[in-house]
Amino acid sequence: MDRIVRNLLVIALLVGAAVAPIARAEAPCRLLVLGAMPSEIGPFLAHATIEDRVDVSFTNDFGQQQMKSYFVGTLEDNDVIMAMTAIGTVNAMETAQLAFDHFGCISGVVFSGVSGATGDEFIGDVLVPKTWTLDEFNAAGNLVRSTYSADDEMLAAAATAAESVSLSPLGYVGDVACVGIDPYATPTIDHGHTPTISVGSTLTGHSSDPFGGNAFVCLPGTDTFGCQPCKFVQFSTADPARLLTTLRPFLTPKFFTWFQTWSGVDGGEFNVQDMESAAVAKVAEGRAPFIAFRSPSDGTTNGEPLVTIPGPLSFLPQFLAYRQYASDNAAAVALAFLREWKAQHP
């Protein structure tokens, strides 16, 4: 009888093992690497080994289906997810939130791109702030301000990495029309100043929304306002109708009211001005460590030959002329950080 019972138990165990689900290896936790414009995310995609493109569907504020593209692979030996947020606070939050929702395990968030200068910075300098302040405007137009911190361990790694980076005064014109050409085969501009890198607890960043809580529209055909990275552009027959719909909030006098409100907020106490970093920091808060690398493309007169135009768009000539140079410099320091981060977290 004991032998029969033992045999039955063995059979039961074998059957259970046969029908039990096979354990699958979990996907690795990955760093989320973001840039707002094609020129900002381009340097990372160029250095990465891309294993997969994941297009995540979401519904915009007008009830339309849209896709956000994420590129999964390795970058400086780190497992990464890379994405272009598109310009603006709302787009940045949306892209970061979709990444956390879809991919689950994100080990850290790295933002890199251009910024406005607010102090003695030169075009192309790189700053890595400790604190980021976010300005949002509610439906009544009232300012809501919140503050977030970059991760201390990441800042320490960035400071170490910065010692190995030498930035050049020469900047490329870039793939202006976003047709997929090599931006580093374009003509260069000599900026006459060797950029510096600043990392530390005394640096502060400021992100704000000039678009009244609306997702800023993307415009195909440029490496600034483009909808996708220049070498990975995909078109859809629904794109024109979607563009016309999402343009609607910007085709009213309210657009100028938003811009005037935004430009009238005093941000002079901050070292860096942008639209996205603090927005992403808000999404990452309590979920993953965060760090942002920013390089001024506009907002300074130090060694700057371009005249500014009056009004809230005074930054535009500098921004359009120097966006590739600033994007490249921020990315160079961010890539060095990623190498150092991998060395510390093998």
Protein backbone atom coordinates (compact mmCIF):
# COMPACT_ATOMS: atom_id res chain seq x y z
CA MET A 1 0.00 0.00 0.00
CA ASP A 2 2.81 2.44 0.90
CA ARG A 3 4.44 1.73 -2.45
CA ILE A 4 1.16 2.48 -4.27
CA VAL A 5 0.74 5.77 -2.36
CA ARG A 6 4.33 6.77 -3.12
CA ASN A 7 3.85 6.02 -6.80
CA LEU A 8 0.65 8.04 -6.90
CA LEU A 9 2.44 11.00 -5.28
CA VAL A 10 5.25 10.80 -7.83
CA ILE A 11 2.73 10.73 -10.68
CA ALA A 12 0.88 13.70 -9.22
CA LEU A 13 4.09 15.71 -8.94
CA LEU A 14 5.07 14.88 -12.53
CA VAL A 15 1.65 15.87 -13.83
CA GLY A 16 1.74 19.10 -11.82
CA ALA A 17 5.15 19.95 -13.21
CA ALA A 18 3.95 19.27 -16.74
CA VAL A 19 0.96 21.62 -16.50
CA ALA A 20 2.64 24.34 -14.39
CA PRO A 21 3.39 27.53 -16.34
CA ILE A 22 6.95 27.90 -17.51
CA ALA A 23 8.70 30.71 -15.64
CA ARG A 24 9.73 33.47 -18.01
CA ALA A 25 12.75 35.66 -17.53
CA GLU A 26 11.59 39.12 -16.55
CA ALA A 27 12.61 42.04 -18.73
CA PRO A 28 15.51 43.98 -17.22
CA CYS A 29 14.93 47.27 -15.49
CA ARG A 30 15.99 50.02 -17.86
CA LEU A 31 17.02 53.64 -17.74
CA LEU A 32 14.58 55.99 -19.46
CA VAL A 33 16.50 58.47 -21.65
CA LEU A 34 14.47 61.41 -22.95
CA GLY A 35 14.89 64.45 -25.17
CA ALA A 36 12.21 66.86 -26.35
CA MET A 37 13.31 67.51 -29.94
CA PRO A 38 14.76 65.38 -32.75
CA SER A 39 18.09 67.17 -32.33
CA GLU A 40 18.11 66.31 -28.60
CA ILE A 41 17.32 62.58 -28.80
CA GLY A 42 19.31 62.08 -32.02
CA PRO A 43 22.79 61.79 -30.40
CA PHE A 44 21.56 59.01 -28.10
CA LEU A 45 19.90 57.03 -30.87
CA ALA A 46 23.09 57.38 -32.94
CA HIS A 47 25.22 55.91 -30.13
CA ALA A 48 22.76 53.19 -29.12
CA THR A 49 22.23 49.62 -30.21
CA ILE A 50 18.49 49.57 -30.87
CA GLU A 51 16.78 46.23 -30.36
CA ASP A 52 13.15 47.21 -30.75
CA ARG A 53 10.82 50.08 -31.52
CA VAL A 54 7.69 50.07 -29.35
CA ASP A 55 4.81 52.31 -30.43
CA VAL A 56 2.48 52.87 -27.48
CA SER A 57 -1.06 54.01 -28.23
CA PHE A 58 -2.79 56.70 -26.19
CA THR A 59 -5.79 58.99 -26.52
CA ASN A 60 -5.13 62.72 -26.75
CA ASP A 61 -7.28 65.48 -25.25
CA PHE A 62 -9.43 65.52 -28.39
CA GLY A 63 -10.30 61.81 -28.18
CA GLN A 64 -7.95 60.89 -31.03
CA GLN A 65 -5.66 57.88 -30.98
CA GLN A 66 -1.98 58.73 -31.12
CA MET A 67 1.26 56.80 -30.94
CA LYS A 68 4.34 57.55 -28.87
CA SER A 69 7.52 55.79 -30.04
CA TYR A 70 10.01 54.23 -27.62
CA PHE A 71 13.33 52.73 -28.70
CA VAL A 72 14.57 49.83 -26.56
CA GLY A 73 18.21 48.78 -26.55
CA THR A 74 21.58 49.46 -24.99
CA LEU A 75 23.44 52.73 -24.62
CA GLU A 76 26.95 52.86 -23.15
CA ASP A 77 26.26 49.26 -22.00
CA ASN A 78 23.15 50.35 -20.06
CA ASP A 79 19.78 48.78 -20.80
CA VAL A 80 17.71 51.75 -21.91
CA ILE A 81 14.39 52.98 -23.26
CA MET A 82 14.80 56.12 -25.37
CA ALA A 83 12.04 58.48 -26.45
CA MET A 84 11.41 61.93 -27.86
CA THR A 85 8.80 63.72 -25.77
CA ALA A 86 8.09 66.62 -28.18
CA ILE A 87 8.27 70.17 -26.86
CA GLY A 88 6.44 71.32 -23.76
CA THR A 89 5.41 70.43 -20.25
CA VAL A 90 2.32 68.40 -21.17
CA ASN A 91 4.13 66.34 -23.81
CA ALA A 92 6.98 65.62 -21.40
CA MET A 93 4.66 64.43 -18.62
CA GLU A 94 2.66 62.35 -21.06
CA THR A 95 5.73 60.59 -22.49
CA ALA A 96 7.21 59.83 -19.08
CA GLN A 97 3.89 58.58 -17.69
CA LEU A 98 3.30 56.30 -20.69
CA ALA A 99 6.78 54.84 -20.24
CA PHE A 100 6.19 54.01 -16.57
CA ASP A 101 2.77 52.56 -17.35
CA HIS A 102 3.89 50.45 -20.31
CA PHE A 103 7.39 49.28 -19.39
CA GLY A 104 6.99 48.96 -15.63
CA CYS A 105 10.50 48.64 -14.24
CA ILE A 106 12.43 51.86 -14.88
CA SER A 107 15.65 52.16 -12.89
CA GLY A 108 16.26 55.85 -13.53
CA VAL A 109 15.31 58.80 -15.74
CA VAL A 110 17.77 60.92 -17.72
CA PHE A 111 16.70 64.05 -19.61
CA SER A 112 19.03 65.86 -21.99
CA GLY A 113 18.54 68.91 -24.16
CA VAL A 114 18.74 72.64 -24.71
CA SER A 115 17.68 75.41 -22.37
CA GLY A 116 17.45 79.11 -21.91
CA ALA A 117 20.24 80.82 -19.98
CA THR A 118 19.43 83.07 -17.06
CA GLY A 119 22.83 84.10 -15.73
CA ASP A 120 26.39 84.36 -16.95
CA GLU A 121 26.27 81.20 -19.06
CA PHE A 122 27.53 81.04 -22.63
CA ILE A 123 25.83 79.25 -25.49
CA GLY A 124 26.83 75.58 -25.28
CA ASP A 125 27.78 75.47 -21.58
CA VAL A 126 26.30 72.45 -19.80
CA LEU A 127 24.51 72.65 -16.45
CA VAL A 128 23.21 69.79 -14.30
CA PRO A 129 20.98 71.27 -11.56
CA LYS A 130 20.19 69.74 -8.19
CA THR A 131 16.69 71.20 -7.86
CA TRP A 132 13.97 71.67 -10.46
CA THR A 133 10.97 73.94 -10.00
CA LEU A 134 7.84 73.37 -12.07
CA ASP A 135 5.36 76.13 -12.91
CA GLU A 136 1.93 75.01 -14.07
CA PHE A 137 -1.12 77.16 -14.69
CA ASN A 138 -4.56 75.90 -13.70
CA ALA A 139 -7.80 76.47 -15.62
CA ALA A 140 -8.20 79.90 -14.00
CA GLY A 141 -4.72 80.93 -15.12
CA ASN A 142 -3.30 80.83 -11.60
CA LEU A 143 0.26 79.71 -11.04
CA VAL A 144 0.86 76.39 -9.26
CA ARG A 145 4.52 75.85 -8.31
CA SER A 146 6.22 72.64 -7.11
CA THR A 147 9.87 71.62 -6.66
CA TYR A 148 11.72 68.34 -7.25
CA SER A 149 15.29 67.14 -6.73
CA ALA A 150 17.77 65.36 -8.93
CA ASP A 151 19.20 62.18 -7.43
CA ASP A 152 22.35 62.73 -5.32
CA GLU A 153 24.05 59.53 -6.50
CA MET A 154 23.38 60.46 -10.11
CA LEU A 155 24.73 63.98 -9.55
CA ALA A 156 27.91 62.55 -8.03
CA ALA A 157 28.36 60.26 -11.04
CA ALA A 158 27.75 63.20 -13.38
CA ALA A 159 30.40 65.28 -11.59
CA THR A 160 32.92 62.45 -11.97
CA ALA A 161 32.00 61.92 -15.61
CA ALA A 162 32.29 65.63 -16.42
CA GLU A 163 36.00 65.49 -15.66
CA SER A 164 36.51 63.29 -18.74
CA VAL A 165 34.57 65.51 -21.16
CA SER A 166 36.15 68.18 -23.38
CA LEU A 167 33.63 70.29 -25.24
CA SER A 168 34.49 72.12 -28.46
CA PRO A 169 33.67 75.68 -29.52
CA LEU A 170 32.71 74.24 -32.93
CA GLY A 171 29.05 73.34 -33.41
CA TYR A 172 27.30 71.63 -36.32
CA VAL A 173 24.41 73.20 -38.23
CA GLY A 174 22.54 69.88 -38.04
CA ASP A 175 19.78 68.15 -39.98
CA VAL A 176 17.58 71.26 -40.11
CA ALA A 177 14.88 69.77 -42.35
CA CYS A 178 14.89 66.46 -40.44
CA VAL A 179 15.38 64.36 -43.57
CA GLY A 180 17.66 61.83 -41.87
CA ILE A 181 21.06 63.11 -43.01
CA ASP A 182 24.05 62.83 -40.70
CA PRO A 183 24.04 66.07 -38.65
CA TYR A 184 27.77 65.65 -38.10
CA ALA A 185 28.44 65.91 -41.82
CA THR A 186 26.97 69.44 -41.93
CA PRO A 187 28.92 72.73 -41.72
CA THR A 188 30.16 73.99 -38.35
CA ILE A 189 29.91 77.32 -36.55
CA ASP A 190 32.80 78.55 -34.39
CA HIS A 191 31.26 79.92 -31.19
CA GLY A 192 34.54 81.34 -29.98
CA HIS A 193 34.15 79.99 -26.45
CA THR A 194 35.12 76.63 -25.02
CA PRO A 195 32.02 75.52 -23.08
CA THR A 196 32.17 74.71 -19.38
CA ILE A 197 30.34 72.03 -17.41
CA SER A 198 28.72 72.75 -14.04
CA VAL A 199 27.25 70.10 -11.77
CA GLY A 200 26.16 70.69 -8.23
CA SER A 201 23.83 71.41 -5.39
CA THR A 202 23.92 75.17 -5.96
CA LEU A 203 22.42 74.93 -9.46
CA THR A 204 18.69 75.34 -9.92
CA GLY A 205 16.45 74.64 -12.88
CA HIS A 206 13.02 75.98 -13.81
CA SER A 207 10.44 74.41 -16.16
CA SER A 208 7.22 76.14 -17.15
CA ASP A 209 4.29 75.81 -19.54
CA PRO A 210 3.64 78.61 -22.05
CA PHE A 211 0.86 76.67 -23.76
CA GLY A 212 -2.03 76.94 -21.32
CA GLY A 213 -2.01 73.28 -20.29
CA ASN A 214 -2.23 72.09 -23.91
CA ALA A 215 0.10 69.61 -25.57
CA PHE A 216 2.20 71.64 -27.99
CA VAL A 217 1.79 70.47 -31.59
CA CYS A 218 4.59 68.84 -33.53
CA LEU A 219 5.39 69.98 -37.06
CA PRO A 220 6.98 67.46 -39.44
CA GLY A 221 9.93 68.70 -41.43
CA THR A 222 12.15 70.24 -38.75
CA ASP A 223 14.62 68.91 -36.21
CA THR A 224 13.18 71.26 -33.60
CA PHE A 225 9.39 70.94 -33.76
CA GLY A 226 9.39 67.54 -35.48
CA CYS A 227 7.10 64.68 -34.47
CA GLN A 228 9.66 61.85 -34.46
CA PRO A 229 13.46 61.41 -34.47
CA CYS A 230 14.81 62.33 -37.89
CA LYS A 231 16.11 58.85 -38.81
CA PHE A 232 12.96 57.10 -37.60
CA VAL A 233 10.14 59.14 -39.12
CA GLN A 234 6.95 57.22 -39.90
CA PHE A 235 3.92 58.83 -41.51
CA SER A 236 0.25 58.01 -41.04
CA THR A 237 -2.73 59.03 -43.17
CA ALA A 238 -4.34 60.30 -39.95
CA ASP A 239 -1.51 62.77 -39.30
CA PRO A 240 -2.93 65.80 -41.21
CA ALA A 241 -6.36 65.63 -39.54
CA ARG A 242 -4.77 65.14 -36.13
CA LEU A 243 -2.47 68.12 -36.69
CA LEU A 244 -5.37 70.40 -37.61
CA THR A 245 -7.31 69.33 -34.52
CA THR A 246 -4.43 69.75 -32.07
CA LEU A 247 -3.62 73.14 -33.61
CA ARG A 248 -7.05 74.46 -32.64
CA PRO A 249 -6.13 75.83 -29.17
CA PHE A 250 -3.17 77.70 -30.68
CA LEU A 251 -5.19 79.48 -33.37
CA THR A 252 -6.88 81.83 -30.91
CA PRO A 253 -5.83 85.04 -29.11
CA LYS A 254 -5.50 82.90 -25.97
CA PHE A 255 -2.17 81.68 -27.29
CA PHE A 256 -0.65 85.14 -26.86
CA THR A 257 -2.24 85.47 -23.41
CA TRP A 258 -0.59 82.20 -22.34
CA PHE A 259 2.76 83.37 -23.66
CA GLN A 260 2.49 86.76 -21.96
CA THR A 261 1.57 85.13 -18.64
CA TRP A 262 4.45 82.69 -18.99
CA SER A 263 7.01 85.32 -19.94
CA GLY A 264 5.84 87.57 -17.12
CA VAL A 265 6.69 85.02 -14.40
CA ASP A 266 9.98 85.95 -12.79
CA GLY A 267 12.45 83.11 -13.28
CA GLY A 268 15.60 85.10 -12.79
CA GLU A 269 16.58 83.28 -9.61
CA PHE A 270 17.15 80.04 -11.55
CA ASN A 271 20.24 79.00 -13.50
CA VAL A 272 18.40 77.08 -16.23
CA GLN A 273 15.06 77.63 -17.97
CA ASP A 274 13.24 74.98 -20.00
CA MET A 275 9.79 73.45 -20.48
CA GLU A 276 10.27 69.74 -19.73
CA SER A 277 12.82 68.73 -17.08
CA ALA A 278 10.79 69.46 -13.96
CA ALA A 279 7.69 67.98 -15.60
CA VAL A 280 9.51 64.66 -16.04
CA ALA A 281 10.93 64.96 -12.52
CA LYS A 282 7.36 65.24 -11.25
CA VAL A 283 6.40 61.96 -12.95
CA ALA A 284 9.57 60.22 -11.71
CA GLU A 285 9.11 61.44 -8.12
CA GLY A 286 8.93 58.42 -5.79
CA ARG A 287 9.34 56.01 -8.72
CA ALA A 288 12.89 56.34 -10.03
CA PRO A 289 15.95 58.58 -9.60
CA PHE A 290 16.10 61.55 -11.98
CA ILE A 291 18.77 63.77 -13.51
CA ALA A 292 18.73 66.37 -16.31
CA PHE A 293 21.52 67.76 -18.49
CA ARG A 294 20.84 71.13 -20.09
CA SER A 295 22.84 73.40 -22.39
CA PRO A 296 21.83 77.00 -23.21
CA SER A 297 20.83 77.53 -26.82
CA ASP A 298 19.44 80.98 -26.13
CA GLY A 299 18.83 83.69 -23.54
CA THR A 300 22.38 84.99 -23.14
CA THR A 301 24.35 87.91 -24.53
CA ASN A 302 27.79 86.58 -23.57
CA GLY A 303 29.80 86.51 -26.79
CA GLU A 304 26.52 86.44 -28.71
CA PRO A 305 26.41 88.18 -32.13
CA LEU A 306 22.71 87.56 -32.82
CA VAL A 307 20.41 90.41 -31.93
CA THR A 308 17.24 89.56 -30.07
CA ILE A 309 13.78 90.50 -31.27
CA PRO A 310 11.34 92.29 -28.98
CA GLY A 311 8.60 90.40 -27.14
CA PRO A 312 8.19 86.96 -25.60
CA LEU A 313 9.71 85.26 -28.67
CA SER A 314 13.00 87.13 -28.33
CA PHE A 315 14.86 83.85 -27.78
CA LEU A 316 13.85 82.37 -31.15
CA PRO A 317 16.76 83.43 -33.44
CA GLN A 318 19.34 82.09 -30.99
CA PHE A 319 17.37 78.92 -30.36
CA LEU A 320 17.00 78.09 -34.05
CA ALA A 321 20.66 78.82 -34.79
CA TYR A 322 22.20 76.98 -31.85
CA ARG A 323 19.82 74.13 -31.00
CA GLN A 324 22.11 71.46 -32.51
CA TYR A 325 25.22 72.75 -30.74
CA ALA A 326 23.51 72.88 -27.36
CA SER A 327 21.84 69.48 -27.91
CA ASP A 328 25.20 67.88 -28.73
CA ASN A 329 26.96 69.35 -25.71
CA ALA A 330 24.26 68.26 -23.27
CA ALA A 331 24.28 64.79 -24.84
CA ALA A 332 28.08 64.53 -24.63
CA VAL A 333 27.99 65.04 -20.87
CA ALA A 334 24.95 62.78 -20.49
CA LEU A 335 26.70 59.99 -22.43
CA ALA A 336 29.76 60.33 -20.19
CA PHE A 337 27.43 60.10 -17.21
CA LEU A 338 25.90 56.91 -18.60
CA ARG A 339 29.37 55.35 -18.94
CA GLU A 340 30.19 56.29 -15.35
CA TRP A 341 26.79 55.10 -14.12
CA LYS A 342 27.38 51.70 -15.73
CA ALA A 343 30.84 51.49 -14.18
CA GLN A 344 29.30 52.09 -10.76
CA HIS A 345 26.38 49.72 -11.41
CA PRO A 346 27.84 46.80 -13.40
